[in-house]
Amino acid sequence: MIPVQGVSGQTIAVLGLGRSGKATAAALQAGGAHVVVWDDGQEARAGAEAEGLEVRDLSREDTWEGIGALITSPGIPHLYPQPNPVIARALEKGVPVDNDIGLFFRSFATRDWDEFDTMPRVITVTGSNGKSTTTALIHHILQAAGRPTQMGGNIGTGVLSLEPAHDGEVVVIELSSYQTDLARALTPDVAVFTNLSPDHLDRHGGPGGYFAAKRRLFAEGGPDRCVIGIDEVEGRYLANQMGQGPGDDRVIRVSSGQKLDRFGWAVFAKKGFLNEYRKGRQVASIDLRGIGGLPGAHNHQNACAAYAACRAVGIAPREIEAAFHSFAGLPHRSQTVRELNGVRYVNDSKATNVDAAQQALHAFTRIRWIVGGLGKDGGIGALQPHLAEVVKAYLIGHSARDFALQLGETPHEVVDTMEAAVARAHAEAVAGETVLLAPAAASFDQYPNFEKRGEHFTQLVNAL
């Protein structure tokens, strides 16, 4: 646990009692704060009381006396589409609103660091797609290289539940736009931006607000090094904003598909090879084509971002290449579940939007595509130009029939459930084909989250 600094003797309110909320309350208490908590769910409040926390109804006017700050969980809206009533009350009263990320960055460094030979460093990863894989890959490379490291944030352990820093440690943190949008302190040593595609637009008031939330990590965080994917205009804009010219090697530009040989520092993947260029000269190259844990162009982009971040903290190319080969990938992200009778079964349940599904559709050939769920704005119409490898689509969930209307001439069948989709795909697939779960939709119509959806697919496939 990382005790929160600067709160001793203060009354701090915590809104939301999920994983991050509970960890935040404990870290505040460890820092000497008097903590009061609130959650809209009665079960969560009862659980907090059972753990000895003071539950205070923050929706009432008379409960705010003496509260010095409100710490909110990332899933609770603070601006768009409208602020949660408790947050709205804090804004009216001028009570500072923050989240666990802000508390982490103001509390991570301690006087113990004066005794360290090598200062700890923090690498943060944000973006629309690939940030979990990139975060996990950076952590894996650091481990393989023998560097002390921890991983947390939007993946794995909550940031305040991490251990206090060790000498020479590198902490790798995945950050969502919900987290970067509100945090009052953002001071990473290395910040990574993978890419940008439309997502969470209601929460951020549109694409501009979504990008602005990501941009805060760089513009307000002031990292020593910026690793920025420039395959979209937003990334190119961000790299331009952060650098003092094309030769500024504080910005490491990353691409999957573009040759980047005119910048101070760049890492790109082209035709299956990762290339590092410094001041116009190639300094390293890695063949990514045979690396099973990183299939497809989108994972090659993730590999470039992770490579660049690790180079920024001093890891050698040969160490990174060796770690690539031992990386197994993450569950629910282009994860090969099994091969049966020459048919490959791939779980990409994390492909919850059109852009992520598009990347998966380009990563494999001869695809039997399981798609559907709770569709997002626009459905899957934008995927029509990317369906050349789809032998047949099997449509599930709430938006199945709407999606079917957007598939044009692509063979398809509305099957409604995952059980039916796996059974039909299994019955019809032939050797050399891939059965791919890449839903291009949220899971909440049939599953509590994308993980449960992927686990169900995996169970069904393993039972074949």
Protein backbone atom coordinates (compact mmCIF):
# COMPACT_ATOMS: atom_id res chain seq x y z
CA MET A 1 0.00 0.00 0.00
CA ILE A 2 1.11 3.58 -0.71
CA PRO A 3 -0.01 5.88 2.15
CA VAL A 4 -1.39 9.17 0.84
CA GLN A 5 0.75 12.15 1.76
CA GLY A 6 -0.48 15.55 2.89
CA VAL A 7 -3.81 14.43 4.36
CA SER A 8 -2.97 13.87 8.04
CA GLY A 9 -5.73 15.23 10.27
CA GLN A 10 -8.04 16.05 7.35
CA THR A 11 -11.51 14.65 6.67
CA ILE A 12 -11.55 13.19 3.16
CA ALA A 13 -14.64 11.78 1.47
CA VAL A 14 -14.50 8.79 -0.91
CA LEU A 15 -17.26 8.28 -3.49
CA GLY A 16 -17.64 4.78 -4.92
CA LEU A 17 -16.69 1.61 -3.07
CA GLY A 18 -15.43 -0.69 -5.79
CA ARG A 19 -11.86 -1.96 -5.95
CA SER A 20 -10.24 1.47 -6.34
CA GLY A 21 -12.56 3.13 -3.80
CA LYS A 22 -11.75 0.65 -1.04
CA ALA A 23 -8.02 0.84 -1.78
CA THR A 24 -8.22 4.64 -1.73
CA ALA A 25 -9.97 4.68 1.65
CA ALA A 26 -7.30 2.39 3.12
CA ALA A 27 -4.43 4.48 1.70
CA LEU A 28 -5.98 7.69 3.02
CA GLN A 29 -6.34 6.17 6.47
CA ALA A 30 -2.72 5.01 6.32
CA GLY A 31 -1.79 8.63 5.62
CA GLY A 32 -3.57 9.82 8.75
CA ALA A 33 -6.81 11.08 7.21
CA HIS A 34 -10.27 10.68 8.72
CA VAL A 35 -12.18 8.96 5.91
CA VAL A 36 -15.91 9.06 5.22
CA VAL A 37 -17.38 7.04 2.35
CA TRP A 38 -20.49 6.85 0.22
CA ASP A 39 -21.79 4.61 -2.53
CA ASP A 40 -25.18 4.59 -4.25
CA GLY A 41 -25.43 0.84 -3.67
CA GLN A 42 -26.80 -0.33 -0.33
CA GLU A 43 -24.78 -3.55 -0.45
CA ALA A 44 -21.53 -1.62 -0.93
CA ARG A 45 -22.38 0.69 1.96
CA ALA A 46 -23.16 -2.25 4.23
CA GLY A 47 -19.84 -3.85 3.32
CA ALA A 48 -18.00 -0.63 4.16
CA GLU A 49 -19.70 -0.38 7.53
CA ALA A 50 -18.76 -3.99 8.26
CA GLU A 51 -15.13 -3.04 7.60
CA GLY A 52 -15.34 -0.20 10.11
CA LEU A 53 -15.56 2.71 7.64
CA GLU A 54 -17.78 5.69 8.42
CA VAL A 55 -20.58 5.83 5.86
CA ARG A 56 -21.93 9.32 5.32
CA ASP A 57 -24.77 10.21 2.93
CA LEU A 58 -23.01 12.79 0.79
CA SER A 59 -26.17 13.53 -1.14
CA ARG A 60 -27.39 15.49 1.88
CA GLU A 61 -26.46 19.12 2.36
CA ASP A 62 -25.76 18.80 6.07
CA THR A 63 -23.03 16.11 5.70
CA TRP A 64 -20.33 18.25 4.07
CA GLU A 65 -19.12 20.21 7.06
CA GLY A 66 -15.35 19.86 7.44
CA ILE A 67 -14.74 17.75 4.30
CA GLY A 68 -11.46 18.81 2.72
CA ALA A 69 -11.61 16.85 -0.54
CA LEU A 70 -13.72 14.34 -2.45
CA ILE A 71 -11.98 11.35 -4.07
CA THR A 72 -14.13 9.67 -6.69
CA SER A 73 -13.91 6.34 -8.48
CA PRO A 74 -13.15 6.59 -12.23
CA GLY A 75 -16.46 5.13 -13.41
CA ILE A 76 -18.51 7.94 -11.85
CA PRO A 77 -19.26 10.85 -14.24
CA HIS A 78 -17.91 14.20 -13.06
CA LEU A 79 -18.79 16.38 -16.06
CA TYR A 80 -20.53 14.69 -19.00
CA PRO A 81 -23.19 13.64 -19.72
CA GLN A 82 -23.86 15.25 -16.32
CA PRO A 83 -22.03 15.18 -12.99
CA ASN A 84 -23.01 12.66 -10.37
CA PRO A 85 -25.13 14.56 -7.77
CA VAL A 86 -22.46 14.11 -5.09
CA ILE A 87 -19.74 15.47 -7.37
CA ALA A 88 -22.04 18.31 -8.44
CA ARG A 89 -22.45 19.25 -4.78
CA ALA A 90 -18.68 19.22 -4.28
CA LEU A 91 -18.23 21.48 -7.29
CA GLU A 92 -20.83 23.91 -5.94
CA LYS A 93 -19.10 24.02 -2.57
CA GLY A 94 -15.61 24.37 -4.01
CA VAL A 95 -14.44 21.10 -2.44
CA PRO A 96 -11.50 19.76 -4.50
CA VAL A 97 -12.37 16.62 -6.50
CA ASP A 98 -9.60 14.14 -7.32
CA ASN A 99 -9.10 10.42 -7.95
CA ASP A 100 -6.67 7.72 -6.86
CA ILE A 101 -4.31 8.51 -9.76
CA GLY A 102 -3.86 12.06 -8.52
CA LEU A 103 -3.24 10.79 -4.99
CA PHE A 104 -0.68 8.27 -6.26
CA PHE A 105 1.40 10.82 -8.13
CA ARG A 106 1.55 13.18 -5.18
CA SER A 107 2.41 10.35 -2.74
CA PHE A 108 4.69 7.92 -4.59
CA ALA A 109 7.98 9.76 -4.03
CA THR A 110 9.16 9.73 -0.41
CA ARG A 111 12.24 10.74 1.56
CA ASP A 112 13.35 7.10 1.49
CA TRP A 113 14.39 7.74 -2.09
CA ASP A 114 17.33 9.80 -0.81
CA GLU A 115 18.97 6.49 0.11
CA PHE A 116 18.44 4.88 -3.30
CA ASP A 117 21.25 4.45 -5.80
CA THR A 118 18.81 4.67 -8.73
CA MET A 119 15.62 6.73 -8.62
CA PRO A 120 12.38 4.81 -9.27
CA ARG A 121 10.56 5.72 -12.47
CA VAL A 122 6.96 5.61 -13.63
CA ILE A 123 5.85 4.65 -17.14
CA THR A 124 2.21 5.41 -17.96
CA VAL A 125 0.26 4.06 -20.94
CA THR A 126 -2.92 5.52 -22.37
CA GLY A 127 -4.78 5.38 -25.70
CA SER A 128 -7.91 3.79 -27.15
CA ASN A 129 -6.75 0.32 -28.17
CA GLY A 130 -3.78 -1.78 -27.13
CA LYS A 131 -2.95 -0.03 -23.87
CA SER A 132 -3.40 -3.15 -21.71
CA THR A 133 -1.23 -5.28 -23.99
CA THR A 134 1.38 -2.52 -24.19
CA THR A 135 1.39 -2.09 -20.40
CA ALA A 136 1.71 -5.82 -19.77
CA LEU A 137 4.42 -6.16 -22.43
CA ILE A 138 6.50 -3.34 -20.90
CA HIS A 139 6.17 -4.99 -17.48
CA HIS A 140 7.15 -8.36 -18.96
CA ILE A 141 10.23 -6.91 -20.68
CA LEU A 142 11.37 -5.22 -17.46
CA GLN A 143 10.94 -8.47 -15.55
CA ALA A 144 12.83 -10.43 -18.18
CA ALA A 145 15.63 -7.86 -18.05
CA GLY A 146 15.91 -8.25 -14.27
CA ARG A 147 14.61 -4.79 -13.41
CA PRO A 148 12.44 -4.43 -10.29
CA THR A 149 8.97 -3.56 -11.55
CA GLN A 150 5.30 -3.37 -10.60
CA MET A 151 2.21 -3.03 -12.79
CA GLY A 152 -1.14 -1.47 -11.93
CA GLY A 153 -3.79 1.13 -12.65
CA ASN A 154 -6.49 0.21 -15.13
CA ILE A 155 -4.93 -3.26 -15.33
CA GLY A 156 -4.30 -5.51 -12.34
CA THR A 157 -3.56 -3.78 -9.04
CA GLY A 158 -5.03 -0.39 -8.11
CA VAL A 159 -2.29 2.24 -7.95
CA LEU A 160 -2.60 2.87 -4.22
CA SER A 161 -2.40 -0.87 -3.55
CA LEU A 162 1.05 -1.06 -5.10
CA GLU A 163 4.08 -1.49 -2.84
CA PRO A 164 6.18 1.57 -1.94
CA ALA A 165 8.98 2.04 -4.46
CA HIS A 166 12.17 -0.01 -4.41
CA ASP A 167 15.63 1.14 -5.46
CA GLY A 168 15.76 1.32 -9.26
CA GLU A 169 12.18 0.14 -9.73
CA VAL A 170 10.05 0.95 -12.76
CA VAL A 171 6.30 1.10 -12.13
CA VAL A 172 4.11 0.62 -15.21
CA ILE A 173 0.59 2.05 -15.04
CA GLU A 174 -2.26 1.75 -17.54
CA LEU A 175 -4.50 4.83 -17.50
CA SER A 176 -7.94 5.20 -19.05
CA SER A 177 -9.39 8.52 -20.16
CA TYR A 178 -11.66 8.38 -17.10
CA GLN A 179 -8.54 8.44 -14.92
CA THR A 180 -6.47 11.03 -16.77
CA ASP A 181 -9.43 13.40 -17.16
CA LEU A 182 -9.74 14.17 -13.45
CA ALA A 183 -6.40 13.47 -11.76
CA ARG A 184 -5.01 16.64 -10.19
CA ALA A 185 -1.43 15.35 -10.35
CA LEU A 186 0.10 13.58 -13.37
CA THR A 187 3.90 13.32 -13.34
CA PRO A 188 5.12 10.22 -15.21
CA ASP A 189 8.73 9.87 -16.28
CA VAL A 190 7.73 8.21 -19.55
CA ALA A 191 4.24 8.59 -21.04
CA VAL A 192 2.93 6.38 -23.85
CA PHE A 193 0.05 7.21 -26.22
CA THR A 194 -0.88 4.17 -28.34
CA ASN A 195 -3.60 5.48 -30.69
CA LEU A 196 -7.03 7.13 -30.72
CA SER A 197 -10.39 5.96 -32.00
CA PRO A 198 -13.93 7.03 -31.01
CA ASP A 199 -14.93 5.65 -27.61
CA HIS A 200 -16.59 6.89 -24.40
CA LEU A 201 -17.84 9.92 -26.31
CA ASP A 202 -20.86 10.49 -24.06
CA ARG A 203 -18.57 10.60 -21.03
CA HIS A 204 -16.28 13.21 -22.58
CA GLY A 205 -18.78 15.36 -24.47
CA GLY A 206 -17.52 14.23 -27.90
CA PRO A 207 -14.23 13.30 -29.60
CA GLY A 208 -12.52 16.57 -28.64
CA GLY A 209 -13.15 16.00 -24.96
CA TYR A 210 -11.99 12.38 -25.26
CA PHE A 211 -8.71 13.39 -26.85
CA ALA A 212 -8.27 16.24 -24.35
CA ALA A 213 -8.53 13.73 -21.49
CA LYS A 214 -5.70 11.66 -23.00
CA ARG A 215 -3.64 14.76 -23.82
CA ARG A 216 -3.61 15.87 -20.16
CA LEU A 217 -1.16 13.09 -19.34
CA PHE A 218 1.38 14.75 -21.63
CA ALA A 219 0.60 18.46 -21.57
CA GLU A 220 0.11 18.64 -17.80
CA GLY A 221 2.22 15.63 -16.83
CA GLY A 222 5.44 16.92 -18.36
CA PRO A 223 7.10 13.52 -18.90
CA ASP A 224 10.83 13.31 -19.62
CA ARG A 225 10.06 11.12 -22.63
CA CYS A 226 6.90 10.86 -24.73
CA VAL A 227 6.20 7.72 -26.77
CA ILE A 228 3.46 8.67 -29.22
CA GLY A 229 1.68 6.60 -31.86
CA ILE A 230 1.29 8.80 -34.93
CA ASP A 231 -0.93 6.67 -37.15
CA GLU A 232 -3.84 9.04 -36.47
CA VAL A 233 -3.91 12.82 -36.78
CA GLU A 234 -4.38 13.23 -33.02
CA GLY A 235 -1.10 11.42 -32.38
CA ARG A 236 0.71 13.55 -34.95
CA TYR A 237 -0.74 16.67 -33.34
CA LEU A 238 0.30 15.52 -29.86
CA ALA A 239 3.85 14.70 -31.00
CA ASN A 240 4.06 18.11 -32.62
CA GLN A 241 2.90 19.80 -29.43
CA MET A 242 5.38 17.96 -27.21
CA GLY A 243 8.48 18.34 -29.38
CA GLN A 244 10.64 21.30 -30.32
CA GLY A 245 11.12 20.06 -33.87
CA PRO A 246 11.57 16.80 -35.80
CA GLY A 247 14.99 16.21 -34.27
CA ASP A 248 13.81 16.44 -30.65
CA ASP A 249 14.47 12.97 -29.26
CA ARG A 250 12.39 13.59 -26.14
CA VAL A 251 9.50 12.50 -28.39
CA ILE A 252 9.71 8.93 -29.70
CA ARG A 253 7.30 8.55 -32.60
CA VAL A 254 5.76 5.11 -33.15
CA SER A 255 3.95 3.65 -36.16
CA SER A 256 2.69 0.40 -37.61
CA GLY A 257 3.07 0.75 -41.35
CA GLN A 258 4.91 4.06 -41.79
CA LYS A 259 8.66 4.35 -42.23
CA LEU A 260 9.89 6.98 -39.78
CA ASP A 261 13.47 7.87 -40.66
CA ARG A 262 13.39 11.67 -40.47
CA PHE A 263 13.01 12.17 -36.72
CA GLY A 264 15.37 12.34 -33.76
CA TRP A 265 14.00 9.05 -32.40
CA ALA A 266 11.40 6.72 -33.89
CA VAL A 267 10.28 3.09 -33.73
CA PHE A 268 8.12 1.59 -36.44
CA ALA A 269 6.96 -1.77 -37.77
CA LYS A 270 6.88 -2.45 -41.49
CA LYS A 271 6.40 -5.79 -43.26
CA GLY A 272 6.67 -7.60 -39.92
CA PHE A 273 9.96 -6.01 -38.81
CA LEU A 274 10.35 -3.57 -35.92
CA ASN A 275 12.93 -0.86 -36.64
CA GLU A 276 14.51 1.70 -34.33
CA TYR A 277 15.91 4.86 -35.91
CA ARG A 278 18.00 7.54 -34.16
CA LYS A 279 18.78 10.78 -36.00
CA GLY A 280 18.03 9.19 -39.38
CA ARG A 281 20.08 6.02 -38.84
CA GLN A 282 18.83 2.54 -38.07
CA VAL A 283 20.18 1.25 -34.76
CA ALA A 284 18.14 -1.95 -34.26
CA SER A 285 15.73 -4.32 -36.00
CA ILE A 286 13.57 -7.21 -34.72
CA ASP A 287 11.62 -9.75 -36.77
CA LEU A 288 8.12 -9.85 -35.24
CA ARG A 289 6.58 -12.32 -37.68
CA GLY A 290 7.17 -15.47 -35.64
CA ILE A 291 6.23 -14.06 -32.25
CA GLY A 292 3.05 -15.91 -31.26
CA GLY A 293 1.99 -13.55 -28.46
CA LEU A 294 1.94 -10.51 -30.77
CA PRO A 295 -0.08 -11.40 -33.90
CA GLY A 296 -1.18 -8.78 -36.43
CA ALA A 297 -0.35 -5.18 -37.26
CA HIS A 298 -2.10 -3.83 -34.17
CA ASN A 299 0.10 -5.94 -31.90
CA HIS A 300 3.14 -4.84 -33.89
CA GLN A 301 2.18 -1.28 -32.98
CA ASN A 302 1.92 -2.37 -29.33
CA ALA A 303 5.36 -3.96 -29.62
CA CYS A 304 6.82 -0.73 -31.01
CA ALA A 305 5.34 1.33 -28.17
CA ALA A 306 6.59 -1.10 -25.52
CA TYR A 307 10.02 -1.29 -27.16
CA ALA A 308 10.30 2.51 -27.21
CA ALA A 309 9.25 2.86 -23.55
CA CYS A 310 11.78 0.24 -22.46
CA ARG A 311 14.55 1.82 -24.53
CA ALA A 312 13.71 5.11 -22.79
CA VAL A 313 14.58 3.51 -19.42
CA GLY A 314 17.76 1.89 -20.67
CA ILE A 315 16.82 -1.67 -21.71
CA ALA A 316 18.97 -3.03 -24.56
CA PRO A 317 17.41 -4.14 -27.87
CA ARG A 318 18.62 -7.75 -27.48
CA GLU A 319 16.94 -7.98 -24.05
CA ILE A 320 13.68 -6.62 -25.46
CA GLU A 321 13.78 -9.06 -28.40
CA ALA A 322 14.27 -12.03 -26.08
CA ALA A 323 11.35 -10.88 -23.91
CA PHE A 324 9.07 -10.54 -26.96
CA HIS A 325 9.48 -14.25 -27.65
CA SER A 326 8.45 -15.24 -24.11
CA PHE A 327 5.40 -12.94 -23.99
CA ALA A 328 2.23 -15.05 -23.95
CA GLY A 329 -0.19 -12.19 -24.59
CA LEU A 330 -3.18 -11.17 -22.49
CA PRO A 331 -6.46 -13.03 -22.08
CA HIS A 332 -9.26 -11.77 -24.33
CA ARG A 333 -6.87 -9.92 -26.66
CA SER A 334 -6.13 -11.94 -29.83
CA GLN A 335 -5.67 -14.92 -27.50
CA THR A 336 -5.40 -18.29 -29.20
CA VAL A 337 -7.55 -20.61 -27.08
CA ARG A 338 -6.74 -23.83 -28.95
CA GLU A 339 -6.33 -25.45 -32.33
CA LEU A 340 -8.66 -28.32 -33.16
CA ASN A 341 -8.67 -30.31 -36.39
CA GLY A 342 -6.63 -27.57 -38.05
CA VAL A 343 -9.00 -24.79 -36.95
CA ARG A 344 -7.68 -21.99 -34.75
CA TYR A 345 -10.01 -20.51 -32.09
CA VAL A 346 -9.17 -16.93 -31.06
CA ASN A 347 -10.66 -14.96 -28.17
CA ASP A 348 -10.56 -11.19 -28.79
CA SER A 349 -13.47 -10.31 -26.51
CA LYS A 350 -11.70 -7.03 -25.68
CA ALA A 351 -12.48 -5.85 -29.22
CA THR A 352 -15.46 -3.88 -27.94
CA ASN A 353 -15.41 -1.20 -30.66
CA VAL A 354 -15.16 -1.08 -34.44
CA ASP A 355 -11.50 -0.07 -34.55
CA ALA A 356 -10.37 -2.94 -32.32
CA ALA A 357 -12.45 -5.43 -34.31
CA GLN A 358 -10.96 -4.08 -37.55
CA GLN A 359 -7.46 -4.79 -36.26
CA ALA A 360 -8.44 -8.34 -35.35
CA LEU A 361 -10.01 -8.91 -38.77
CA HIS A 362 -6.71 -7.95 -40.41
CA ALA A 363 -4.64 -10.18 -38.12
CA PHE A 364 -6.04 -13.49 -39.39
CA THR A 365 -7.16 -15.14 -42.63
CA ARG A 366 -10.20 -17.26 -43.54
CA ILE A 367 -12.24 -16.08 -40.57
CA ARG A 368 -15.48 -17.37 -39.09
CA TRP A 369 -16.41 -14.25 -37.16
CA ILE A 370 -18.48 -14.21 -33.95
CA VAL A 371 -19.74 -10.63 -33.62
CA GLY A 372 -22.38 -8.74 -31.66
CA GLY A 373 -23.50 -7.65 -28.24
CA LEU A 374 -24.64 -4.21 -27.19
CA GLY A 375 -23.78 -2.13 -30.24
CA LYS A 376 -22.21 1.32 -30.08
CA ASP A 377 -23.07 4.40 -32.17
CA GLY A 378 -22.82 3.62 -35.86
CA GLY A 379 -22.92 -0.15 -35.44
CA ILE A 380 -20.44 -2.08 -37.61
CA GLY A 381 -21.09 -0.41 -40.96
CA ALA A 382 -17.56 1.01 -41.00
CA LEU A 383 -16.18 -2.55 -41.07
CA GLN A 384 -17.57 -3.38 -44.54
CA PRO A 385 -14.27 -2.62 -46.33
CA HIS A 386 -12.44 -4.95 -43.92
CA LEU A 387 -14.45 -8.17 -44.34
CA ALA A 388 -12.55 -9.76 -47.22
CA GLU A 389 -11.24 -12.57 -45.02
CA VAL A 390 -14.60 -13.31 -43.38
CA VAL A 391 -15.96 -16.64 -44.59
CA LYS A 392 -19.10 -16.21 -42.49
CA ALA A 393 -20.30 -14.08 -39.57
CA TYR A 394 -22.29 -15.44 -36.63
CA LEU A 395 -24.27 -12.68 -34.92
CA ILE A 396 -25.10 -12.68 -31.21
CA GLY A 397 -26.68 -10.45 -28.61
CA HIS A 398 -28.89 -7.37 -28.52
CA SER A 399 -27.63 -5.82 -31.77
CA ALA A 400 -27.42 -9.01 -33.83
CA ARG A 401 -30.21 -8.14 -36.26
CA ASP A 402 -29.08 -4.52 -36.64
CA PHE A 403 -25.55 -5.70 -37.34
CA ALA A 404 -26.83 -8.24 -39.89
CA LEU A 405 -28.27 -5.39 -41.96
CA GLN A 406 -24.81 -3.79 -42.14
CA LEU A 407 -22.91 -6.82 -43.46
CA GLY A 408 -23.85 -6.43 -47.12
CA GLU A 409 -22.93 -9.52 -49.16
CA THR A 410 -20.89 -11.15 -46.38
CA PRO A 411 -22.44 -14.54 -45.51
CA HIS A 412 -23.96 -14.41 -42.06
CA GLU A 413 -26.37 -16.04 -39.64
CA VAL A 414 -28.17 -14.60 -36.61
CA VAL A 415 -27.63 -17.15 -33.83
CA ASP A 416 -28.28 -14.92 -30.76
CA THR A 417 -26.18 -16.78 -28.17
CA MET A 418 -22.51 -17.61 -27.71
CA GLU A 419 -23.36 -21.31 -27.34
CA ALA A 420 -25.06 -21.36 -30.73
CA ALA A 421 -22.29 -19.29 -32.36
CA VAL A 422 -19.48 -21.58 -31.21
CA ALA A 423 -21.45 -24.70 -32.13
CA ARG A 424 -22.29 -23.46 -35.64
CA ALA A 425 -18.78 -22.16 -36.34
CA HIS A 426 -17.29 -25.45 -35.11
CA ALA A 427 -19.63 -27.50 -37.28
CA GLU A 428 -18.89 -25.48 -40.42
CA ALA A 429 -15.17 -24.63 -40.06
CA VAL A 430 -12.56 -26.50 -42.07
CA ALA A 431 -8.81 -26.86 -41.59
CA GLY A 432 -6.92 -23.61 -42.12
CA GLU A 433 -9.74 -21.37 -40.92
CA THR A 434 -9.93 -19.25 -37.75
CA VAL A 435 -12.97 -18.93 -35.50
CA LEU A 436 -12.61 -15.39 -34.17
CA LEU A 437 -14.56 -13.77 -31.34
CA ALA A 438 -14.20 -10.03 -32.03
CA PRO A 439 -17.59 -8.63 -30.99
CA ALA A 440 -17.22 -4.93 -32.02
CA ALA A 441 -19.74 -4.24 -29.24
CA ALA A 442 -20.08 -3.97 -25.50
CA SER A 443 -20.94 -7.09 -23.50
CA PHE A 444 -23.52 -5.74 -21.07
CA ASP A 445 -26.57 -7.19 -22.81
CA GLN A 446 -25.51 -10.77 -21.96
CA TYR A 447 -22.43 -10.53 -19.70
CA PRO A 448 -21.26 -8.30 -16.82
CA ASN A 449 -18.04 -7.44 -18.70
CA PHE A 450 -15.89 -8.42 -21.68
CA GLU A 451 -13.84 -10.77 -19.49
CA LYS A 452 -16.85 -12.92 -18.67
CA ARG A 453 -17.81 -12.99 -22.34
CA GLY A 454 -14.32 -14.15 -23.28
CA GLU A 455 -14.27 -16.72 -20.50
CA HIS A 456 -17.58 -18.16 -21.72
CA PHE A 457 -16.22 -18.42 -25.27
CA THR A 458 -13.07 -20.10 -23.95
CA GLN A 459 -15.06 -22.61 -21.90
CA LEU A 460 -17.22 -23.50 -24.88
CA VAL A 461 -14.20 -23.91 -27.16
CA ASN A 462 -12.32 -26.06 -24.65
CA ALA A 463 -15.39 -28.29 -24.35
CA LEU A 464 -15.51 -29.02 -28.09
